[in-house]
Amino acid sequence: MELVPFYNGDPETLSDWLRDTGAFFAKECVSDAHQVFAIRFLLTQQALDIYNAHEDLIHNFNDLRKLLLHAAGKAPLRTLASLDSISNLTLSMAQPTANSTHLDPNLTTTTSLPTTSITFTQSADDLTQNEYRKSIITQFREDKSLKFSGEHKQDVIKWLEKLELKFQIAEISDVKKFDYLTELLEKGALNWFIERKSSLNRSWPDFVEQFKTVYDSPNRSQLAFQKLQYYHQSADQDIRSFCSVMRKLCKEYDPDMSKKMRLDFLLRSVNPTYRPEILKLKPTDAAEFEQIALDVENTFLTLNAYETYTPSTMTTYTSLPPSGYNYPATQQSPASNYDYYRRQNNFRSTQRPSSNTTSHQFTSSPKHHQGSPQSSKYNPSQSPRQHNLFAYTPATPET
């Protein structure tokens, strides 16, 4: 970068600066991705302000060239259609006049010529896409998870899939993908790419094929087959997740696997509870299997929901009242209560050993059998629990 001069926005030196900078990038084979990072360090003062105003839309040195030429008023009008880096550009120019009607500039006139305004506007979708592209390009430089060095612990297939997804979101063409590889590769993988860069002819499919051959595990197919043999849907795994895992394993084992073999692996590994219902509907391929399995899964989930919540609804009619519930008092007379306690205490007394072998004969008072009103009244002070049951007083015979 020391060989490239700085540019401060002076229109007089613009052409020389563009020529020298373009020659430097071409000589050093600087890719578009690196050009974007280098440009910001070469501009100062007014030129840097112009760059900052359109930074989101500048993807290479050519975009910057067009922008600076238009800002200096040196770019021809025909290049405006190909300008990608300006979202809003307004040009004002005087209406052209023929020589036959050209007026002497020394003459004074009060008539002003109308001006023509040309406005170029990018849509909001284009601006949003440019934001996505800028964000992803920044990730290529800063996100360590996107780097590939060729170590054994790294999975080249997963890395390429993740990278392809980023390229797809940013709408980066296959030719442009090549320019970002030097940012994404490191260590041994970067050395391998630099040595073979010229022979790849900037072909992304050729790079992917050769890169897989070098860095993919030779035992991937055998390992995938072993996983297919022993893989089963877990209890907490839904059908969509299960089918996604099975698709990846089948692809790793054999990208050209037949429909019948894929279906056999799916039926063998699916939840045994679902298998009979799926077999009844006779799926013919993996796609049909997934749709049927989803319907069966939803049916089972619905039935489980009914079985779970229906009993709790029924218990509202059969369960006991809460502990604080006031039970209605039992309609019993005090005499019946007394009779209950008397029987209980008599039962306990028969189990006690007698204190002596002599039994006392006694007769109860006849009043006890007369059914007097007082006999039905319960007196707590006379409760059998508060008397010695063995201390009897013989009744005095009536005279």
Protein backbone atom coordinates (compact mmCIF):
# COMPACT_ATOMS: atom_id res chain seq x y z
CA MET A 1 0.00 0.00 0.00
CA GLU A 2 3.00 2.27 0.32
CA LEU A 3 3.27 2.45 -3.49
CA VAL A 4 -0.25 3.84 -3.89
CA PRO A 5 -0.71 7.58 -3.14
CA PHE A 6 -3.60 8.91 -1.11
CA TYR A 7 -6.47 10.78 -2.75
CA ASN A 8 -8.14 13.76 -1.08
CA GLY A 9 -10.89 14.48 -3.64
CA ASP A 10 -9.02 16.95 -5.90
CA PRO A 11 -10.50 16.61 -9.44
CA GLU A 12 -7.17 17.60 -11.01
CA THR A 13 -5.35 14.55 -9.64
CA LEU A 14 -8.25 12.10 -9.92
CA SER A 15 -7.30 10.57 -13.27
CA ASP A 16 -3.68 9.96 -12.23
CA TRP A 17 -4.75 8.44 -8.92
CA LEU A 18 -7.27 6.12 -10.56
CA ARG A 19 -4.67 4.98 -13.10
CA ASP A 20 -1.98 4.29 -10.48
CA THR A 21 -4.33 2.56 -8.05
CA GLY A 22 -5.91 0.41 -10.75
CA ALA A 23 -2.47 -0.61 -12.02
CA PHE A 24 -1.41 -1.56 -8.48
CA PHE A 25 -4.49 -3.74 -7.91
CA ALA A 26 -3.98 -5.45 -11.28
CA LYS A 27 -0.27 -6.05 -10.69
CA GLU A 28 -0.79 -7.50 -7.22
CA CYS A 29 -3.87 -9.50 -8.32
CA VAL A 30 -5.94 -7.96 -5.52
CA SER A 31 -9.41 -9.50 -5.48
CA ASP A 32 -12.62 -7.48 -5.26
CA ALA A 33 -13.06 -8.48 -1.63
CA HIS A 34 -9.63 -7.12 -0.71
CA GLN A 35 -10.14 -4.02 -2.84
CA VAL A 36 -13.12 -3.03 -0.69
CA PHE A 37 -11.00 -3.27 2.45
CA ALA A 38 -8.06 -1.38 0.92
CA ILE A 39 -10.01 1.49 -0.62
CA ARG A 40 -11.01 3.06 2.68
CA PHE A 41 -7.37 3.47 3.72
CA LEU A 42 -6.41 5.29 0.49
CA LEU A 43 -8.98 8.10 0.71
CA THR A 44 -8.81 11.30 2.77
CA GLN A 45 -10.77 14.52 3.26
CA GLN A 46 -13.50 15.07 0.64
CA ALA A 47 -12.88 11.76 -1.13
CA LEU A 48 -13.36 9.88 2.13
CA ASP A 49 -16.63 11.72 2.74
CA ILE A 50 -17.90 10.68 -0.69
CA TYR A 51 -16.90 7.08 0.01
CA ASN A 52 -18.58 7.00 3.43
CA ALA A 53 -21.83 8.30 1.93
CA HIS A 54 -21.96 5.33 -0.48
CA GLU A 55 -19.97 2.70 1.42
CA ASP A 56 -22.83 0.22 1.53
CA LEU A 57 -23.03 0.13 -2.27
CA ILE A 58 -19.33 -0.03 -3.18
CA HIS A 59 -18.20 -3.61 -3.77
CA ASN A 60 -14.98 -3.11 -5.74
CA PHE A 61 -12.59 -0.51 -7.15
CA ASN A 62 -14.62 -0.16 -10.34
CA ASP A 63 -17.64 1.06 -8.35
CA LEU A 64 -15.45 3.65 -6.64
CA ARG A 65 -14.01 4.78 -9.99
CA LYS A 66 -17.49 5.50 -11.38
CA LEU A 67 -18.55 7.31 -8.24
CA LEU A 68 -15.51 9.61 -8.15
CA LEU A 69 -15.70 10.37 -11.87
CA HIS A 70 -19.33 11.43 -11.54
CA ALA A 71 -18.56 13.50 -8.47
CA ALA A 72 -15.83 15.29 -10.43
CA GLY A 73 -18.10 15.73 -13.47
CA LYS A 74 -15.82 13.74 -15.77
CA ALA A 75 -17.89 10.63 -16.44
CA PRO A 76 -19.87 10.37 -19.70
CA LEU A 77 -23.65 10.12 -19.38
CA ARG A 78 -23.75 6.65 -21.02
CA THR A 79 -22.02 5.13 -18.00
CA LEU A 80 -24.83 6.09 -15.66
CA ALA A 81 -26.89 3.03 -16.54
CA SER A 82 -24.15 0.72 -15.28
CA LEU A 83 -23.47 2.62 -12.08
CA ASP A 84 -24.20 0.26 -9.20
CA SER A 85 -22.95 2.27 -6.28
CA ILE A 86 -25.23 5.31 -6.22
CA SER A 87 -28.70 5.01 -4.77
CA ASN A 88 -29.82 8.57 -5.53
CA LEU A 89 -28.05 10.74 -8.07
CA THR A 90 -29.41 13.99 -9.49
CA LEU A 91 -27.74 15.76 -12.41
CA SER A 92 -28.69 19.19 -13.67
CA MET A 93 -27.61 20.38 -17.10
CA ALA A 94 -28.56 23.23 -19.41
CA GLN A 95 -30.90 22.60 -22.33
CA PRO A 96 -28.75 22.21 -25.51
CA THR A 97 -29.18 24.80 -28.29
CA ALA A 98 -28.38 24.69 -32.01
CA ASN A 99 -25.61 26.87 -33.45
CA SER A 100 -28.07 28.72 -35.64
CA THR A 101 -29.96 29.94 -32.60
CA HIS A 102 -26.96 30.39 -30.32
CA LEU A 103 -26.95 33.83 -28.71
CA ASP A 104 -23.96 36.02 -28.17
CA PRO A 105 -22.91 35.63 -24.53
CA ASN A 106 -22.28 39.37 -24.33
CA LEU A 107 -25.93 40.08 -24.98
CA THR A 108 -28.17 40.53 -21.99
CA THR A 109 -31.46 38.68 -21.80
CA THR A 110 -34.07 38.11 -19.18
CA THR A 111 -35.10 34.68 -20.48
CA SER A 112 -33.63 31.73 -18.55
CA LEU A 113 -33.26 28.31 -20.12
CA PRO A 114 -35.07 25.43 -18.40
CA THR A 115 -32.99 22.74 -16.77
CA THR A 116 -33.44 19.01 -17.08
CA SER A 117 -33.20 16.91 -13.93
CA ILE A 118 -32.31 13.22 -14.19
CA THR A 119 -32.79 11.10 -11.06
CA PHE A 120 -31.57 7.54 -10.62
CA THR A 121 -33.10 5.69 -7.69
CA GLN A 122 -32.52 2.18 -6.39
CA SER A 123 -35.43 0.31 -4.89
CA ALA A 124 -35.68 -0.49 -1.19
CA ASP A 125 -35.18 -4.19 -1.97
CA ASP A 126 -31.87 -3.42 -3.67
CA LEU A 127 -30.70 -1.41 -0.70
CA THR A 128 -31.71 -4.19 1.70
CA GLN A 129 -29.89 -6.77 -0.39
CA ASN A 130 -26.78 -4.60 -0.39
CA GLU A 131 -26.97 -4.46 3.40
CA TYR A 132 -27.14 -8.26 3.53
CA ARG A 133 -24.17 -8.52 1.20
CA LYS A 134 -22.10 -6.10 3.22
CA SER A 135 -22.92 -7.90 6.48
CA ILE A 136 -21.98 -11.31 5.08
CA ILE A 137 -18.74 -10.03 3.57
CA THR A 138 -17.84 -8.66 7.00
CA GLN A 139 -18.56 -12.10 8.48
CA PHE A 140 -16.13 -13.68 6.04
CA ARG A 141 -13.38 -11.60 7.56
CA GLU A 142 -14.35 -11.71 11.26
CA ASP A 143 -16.34 -14.91 11.92
CA LYS A 144 -13.91 -17.65 13.00
CA SER A 145 -16.50 -20.39 12.44
CA LEU A 146 -16.40 -19.66 8.70
CA LYS A 147 -12.67 -20.31 8.50
CA PHE A 148 -11.39 -23.66 7.21
CA SER A 149 -7.85 -24.82 7.83
CA GLY A 150 -8.07 -28.50 6.88
CA GLU A 151 -7.71 -29.94 10.38
CA HIS A 152 -9.12 -33.42 11.01
CA LYS A 153 -11.76 -32.18 13.43
CA GLN A 154 -13.32 -29.96 10.75
CA ASP A 155 -16.08 -31.32 8.52
CA VAL A 156 -15.58 -30.04 4.99
CA ILE A 157 -19.12 -30.99 3.92
CA LYS A 158 -20.74 -28.98 6.70
CA TRP A 159 -18.37 -26.07 6.03
CA LEU A 160 -19.25 -25.98 2.33
CA GLU A 161 -22.98 -26.20 3.07
CA LYS A 162 -22.76 -23.30 5.51
CA LEU A 163 -20.72 -21.29 3.03
CA GLU A 164 -23.14 -21.95 0.17
CA LEU A 165 -26.00 -20.69 2.32
CA LYS A 166 -24.15 -17.42 2.99
CA PHE A 167 -23.39 -16.98 -0.72
CA GLN A 168 -27.01 -17.64 -1.60
CA ILE A 169 -28.33 -15.03 0.84
CA ALA A 170 -25.85 -12.44 -0.43
CA GLU A 171 -26.57 -13.39 -4.07
CA ILE A 172 -22.88 -13.79 -4.84
CA SER A 173 -22.15 -15.39 -8.21
CA ASP A 174 -19.80 -18.36 -8.69
CA VAL A 175 -17.13 -16.13 -10.19
CA LYS A 176 -17.25 -13.76 -7.21
CA LYS A 177 -17.11 -16.67 -4.74
CA PHE A 178 -13.54 -17.30 -5.81
CA ASP A 179 -12.49 -13.84 -4.65
CA TYR A 180 -13.49 -14.56 -1.04
CA LEU A 181 -11.68 -17.87 -0.63
CA THR A 182 -8.46 -16.22 0.49
CA GLU A 183 -10.45 -14.69 3.37
CA LEU A 184 -12.12 -17.99 4.27
CA LEU A 185 -9.20 -20.42 4.03
CA GLU A 186 -6.20 -20.57 6.32
CA LYS A 187 -3.11 -22.65 7.09
CA GLY A 188 -2.86 -25.82 4.99
CA ALA A 189 -6.11 -25.28 3.13
CA LEU A 190 -5.03 -21.78 2.07
CA ASN A 191 -1.68 -23.09 0.81
CA TRP A 192 -3.45 -25.80 -1.18
CA PHE A 193 -5.73 -23.21 -2.80
CA ILE A 194 -2.90 -20.81 -3.70
CA GLU A 195 -0.95 -23.60 -5.38
CA ARG A 196 -3.91 -24.70 -7.52
CA LYS A 197 -5.69 -21.39 -8.04
CA SER A 198 -4.56 -20.95 -11.64
CA SER A 199 -5.53 -24.49 -12.64
CA LEU A 200 -9.06 -24.12 -11.28
CA ASN A 201 -9.84 -21.38 -13.85
CA ARG A 202 -12.10 -19.58 -11.36
CA SER A 203 -14.61 -22.45 -11.57
CA TRP A 204 -16.48 -22.85 -8.31
CA PRO A 205 -17.83 -26.38 -9.06
CA ASP A 206 -14.29 -27.57 -9.88
CA PHE A 207 -13.01 -26.12 -6.63
CA VAL A 208 -15.74 -27.83 -4.59
CA GLU A 209 -15.12 -31.20 -6.22
CA GLN A 210 -11.34 -31.12 -5.75
CA PHE A 211 -11.62 -29.68 -2.24
CA LYS A 212 -13.91 -32.52 -1.16
CA THR A 213 -11.55 -35.08 -2.64
CA VAL A 214 -8.63 -33.73 -0.61
CA TYR A 215 -10.24 -32.86 2.73
CA ASP A 216 -13.25 -35.15 3.03
CA SER A 217 -12.91 -38.31 5.13
CA PRO A 218 -12.49 -41.48 3.01
CA ASN A 219 -14.56 -43.40 5.58
CA ARG A 220 -17.53 -41.03 5.51
CA SER A 221 -19.68 -43.47 3.53
CA GLN A 222 -18.97 -46.38 5.88
CA LEU A 223 -19.61 -44.25 8.95
CA ALA A 224 -22.89 -43.00 7.52
CA PHE A 225 -23.98 -46.59 6.81
CA GLN A 226 -23.25 -47.60 10.40
CA LYS A 227 -25.32 -44.68 11.65
CA LEU A 228 -28.18 -45.66 9.38
CA GLN A 229 -28.10 -49.20 10.73
CA TYR A 230 -28.38 -48.17 14.38
CA TYR A 231 -30.20 -44.86 14.24
CA HIS A 232 -33.75 -44.77 15.69
CA GLN A 233 -36.21 -42.00 16.34
CA SER A 234 -35.99 -40.93 19.97
CA ALA A 235 -39.04 -40.43 22.18
CA ASP A 236 -38.73 -36.63 22.20
CA GLN A 237 -37.88 -36.28 18.48
CA ASP A 238 -40.57 -35.13 16.08
CA ILE A 239 -41.07 -36.53 12.58
CA ARG A 240 -39.65 -33.53 10.72
CA SER A 241 -36.39 -33.63 12.67
CA PHE A 242 -36.17 -37.40 12.26
CA CYS A 243 -36.66 -37.25 8.48
CA SER A 244 -34.10 -34.43 8.18
CA VAL A 245 -31.44 -36.49 9.95
CA MET A 246 -32.24 -39.54 7.83
CA ARG A 247 -31.95 -37.54 4.60
CA LYS A 248 -28.47 -36.32 5.57
CA LEU A 249 -27.30 -39.82 6.50
CA CYS A 250 -28.67 -41.32 3.29
CA LYS A 251 -26.98 -38.61 1.24
CA GLU A 252 -23.64 -39.18 3.00
CA TYR A 253 -23.83 -42.93 2.48
CA ASP A 254 -25.01 -42.85 -1.14
CA PRO A 255 -26.16 -39.67 -2.92
CA ASP A 256 -27.78 -41.87 -5.58
CA MET A 257 -29.61 -44.18 -3.14
CA SER A 258 -32.79 -45.69 -4.58
CA LYS A 259 -36.23 -44.67 -3.35
CA LYS A 260 -36.94 -48.16 -2.04
CA MET A 261 -33.79 -48.25 0.08
CA ARG A 262 -34.49 -44.81 1.54
CA LEU A 263 -38.01 -45.92 2.42
CA ASP A 264 -36.71 -49.12 4.06
CA PHE A 265 -34.31 -47.15 6.26
CA LEU A 266 -37.10 -44.77 7.29
CA LEU A 267 -39.53 -47.56 8.20
CA ARG A 268 -36.85 -49.39 10.14
CA SER A 269 -35.86 -46.35 12.22
CA VAL A 270 -39.21 -44.63 12.82
CA ASN A 271 -40.96 -44.75 16.20
CA PRO A 272 -42.37 -48.31 16.61
CA THR A 273 -45.67 -46.84 17.81
CA TYR A 274 -46.15 -45.07 14.47
CA ARG A 275 -44.89 -47.87 12.23
CA PRO A 276 -48.07 -50.04 12.00
CA GLU A 277 -50.25 -47.04 11.13
CA ILE A 278 -47.77 -45.86 8.50
CA LEU A 279 -47.58 -49.31 6.92
CA LYS A 280 -51.36 -49.41 6.60
CA LEU A 281 -51.22 -46.38 4.28
CA LYS A 282 -48.45 -47.92 2.12
CA PRO A 283 -46.05 -45.02 1.34
CA THR A 284 -44.08 -45.39 -1.89
CA ASP A 285 -41.17 -42.99 -1.34
CA ALA A 286 -39.49 -40.84 1.32
CA ALA A 287 -41.59 -37.74 0.61
CA GLU A 288 -44.86 -39.65 0.91
CA PHE A 289 -43.56 -41.37 4.04
CA GLU A 290 -42.88 -38.03 5.72
CA GLN A 291 -46.35 -36.68 4.96
CA ILE A 292 -48.06 -39.85 6.23
CA ALA A 293 -45.86 -39.96 9.33
CA LEU A 294 -46.74 -36.34 10.13
CA ASP A 295 -50.46 -37.16 9.98
CA VAL A 296 -49.98 -40.22 12.18
CA GLU A 297 -47.91 -38.23 14.66
CA ASN A 298 -50.58 -35.53 14.90
CA THR A 299 -53.25 -38.19 15.47
CA PHE A 300 -51.32 -39.77 18.33
CA LEU A 301 -50.64 -36.39 19.92
CA THR A 302 -54.34 -35.54 19.78
CA LEU A 303 -55.32 -38.86 21.37
CA ASN A 304 -52.75 -38.41 24.11
CA ALA A 305 -54.14 -34.96 24.81
CA TYR A 306 -57.66 -36.39 25.22
CA GLU A 307 -56.42 -39.15 27.51
CA THR A 308 -54.47 -36.68 29.60
CA TYR A 309 -57.20 -34.10 30.18
CA THR A 310 -60.41 -36.17 30.17
CA PRO A 311 -59.86 -37.93 33.59
CA SER A 312 -59.17 -34.64 35.33
CA THR A 313 -62.50 -33.35 34.05
CA MET A 314 -64.40 -36.39 35.38
CA THR A 315 -62.92 -36.11 38.86
CA THR A 316 -64.76 -32.89 39.41
CA TYR A 317 -67.89 -35.02 39.93
CA THR A 318 -66.42 -37.91 41.92
CA SER A 319 -63.63 -36.48 44.02
CA LEU A 320 -64.01 -35.77 47.73
CA PRO A 321 -64.79 -32.24 48.88
CA PRO A 322 -61.87 -30.14 50.07
CA SER A 323 -60.63 -30.42 53.63
CA GLY A 324 -62.33 -27.19 54.64
CA TYR A 325 -65.74 -28.42 53.51
CA ASN A 326 -68.47 -28.27 56.21
CA TYR A 327 -70.11 -31.68 56.35
CA PRO A 328 -73.80 -31.80 57.47
CA ALA A 329 -74.25 -33.03 61.02
CA THR A 330 -75.54 -36.60 61.40
CA GLN A 331 -79.00 -36.70 62.90
CA GLN A 332 -78.40 -38.92 65.93
CA SER A 333 -79.94 -38.68 69.36
CA PRO A 334 -77.78 -38.35 72.47
CA ALA A 335 -79.09 -41.71 73.63
CA SER A 336 -77.75 -43.45 70.57
CA ASN A 337 -74.37 -41.81 71.13
CA TYR A 338 -74.36 -43.01 74.68
CA ASP A 339 -75.28 -46.51 73.60
CA TYR A 340 -72.35 -46.49 71.12
CA TYR A 341 -69.80 -45.51 73.74
CA ARG A 342 -71.28 -48.00 76.20
CA ARG A 343 -70.83 -50.85 73.75
CA GLN A 344 -67.28 -49.77 72.98
CA ASN A 345 -66.29 -49.64 76.64
CA ASN A 346 -68.00 -52.93 77.42
CA PHE A 347 -65.98 -54.50 74.60
CA ARG A 348 -62.77 -53.20 76.14
CA SER A 349 -63.77 -54.38 79.59
CA THR A 350 -64.26 -57.96 78.42
CA GLN A 351 -60.67 -57.99 77.27
CA ARG A 352 -59.30 -57.00 80.66
CA PRO A 353 -58.38 -59.70 83.18
CA SER A 354 -60.63 -59.71 86.23
CA SER A 355 -59.12 -58.36 89.45
CA ASN A 356 -60.80 -61.18 91.42
CA THR A 357 -62.59 -64.39 90.74
CA THR A 358 -65.65 -63.42 92.69
CA SER A 359 -68.46 -62.05 90.62
CA HIS A 360 -70.99 -59.75 92.12
CA GLN A 361 -74.55 -60.24 91.23
CA PHE A 362 -76.55 -57.17 90.85
CA THR A 363 -79.72 -56.01 89.36
CA SER A 364 -80.16 -52.83 87.54
CA SER A 365 -82.69 -50.33 88.53
CA PRO A 366 -86.09 -50.90 87.00
CA LYS A 367 -86.06 -47.29 86.03
CA HIS A 368 -83.52 -48.13 83.39
CA HIS A 369 -86.13 -50.17 81.51
CA GLN A 370 -89.00 -47.74 81.82
CA GLY A 371 -87.99 -45.55 78.95
CA SER A 372 -88.27 -42.40 80.95
CA PRO A 373 -87.53 -39.18 79.13
CA GLN A 374 -84.41 -38.65 81.15
CA SER A 375 -82.89 -41.92 79.96
CA SER A 376 -82.49 -40.51 76.46
CA LYS A 377 -80.52 -37.51 77.62
CA TYR A 378 -76.77 -37.67 77.39
CA ASN A 379 -74.83 -36.28 80.35
CA PRO A 380 -71.10 -35.81 79.73
CA SER A 381 -70.36 -36.07 83.42
CA GLN A 382 -71.77 -39.59 83.38
CA SER A 383 -69.88 -40.76 80.34
CA PRO A 384 -68.56 -44.34 80.62
CA ARG A 385 -65.10 -43.00 79.82
CA GLN A 386 -65.08 -41.11 83.14
CA HIS A 387 -66.21 -43.97 85.44
CA ASN A 388 -64.58 -47.07 86.86
CA LEU A 389 -66.47 -49.79 85.09
CA PHE A 390 -65.65 -52.37 87.79
CA ALA A 391 -66.99 -50.36 90.73
CA TYR A 392 -70.66 -51.29 90.69
CA THR A 393 -73.19 -50.34 93.33
CA PRO A 394 -75.88 -52.97 93.80
CA ALA A 395 -79.36 -51.70 93.43
CA THR A 396 -81.42 -51.42 96.60
CA PRO A 397 -84.60 -53.51 96.38
CA GLU A 398 -87.69 -51.51 96.44
CA THR A 399 -89.99 -51.86 99.35
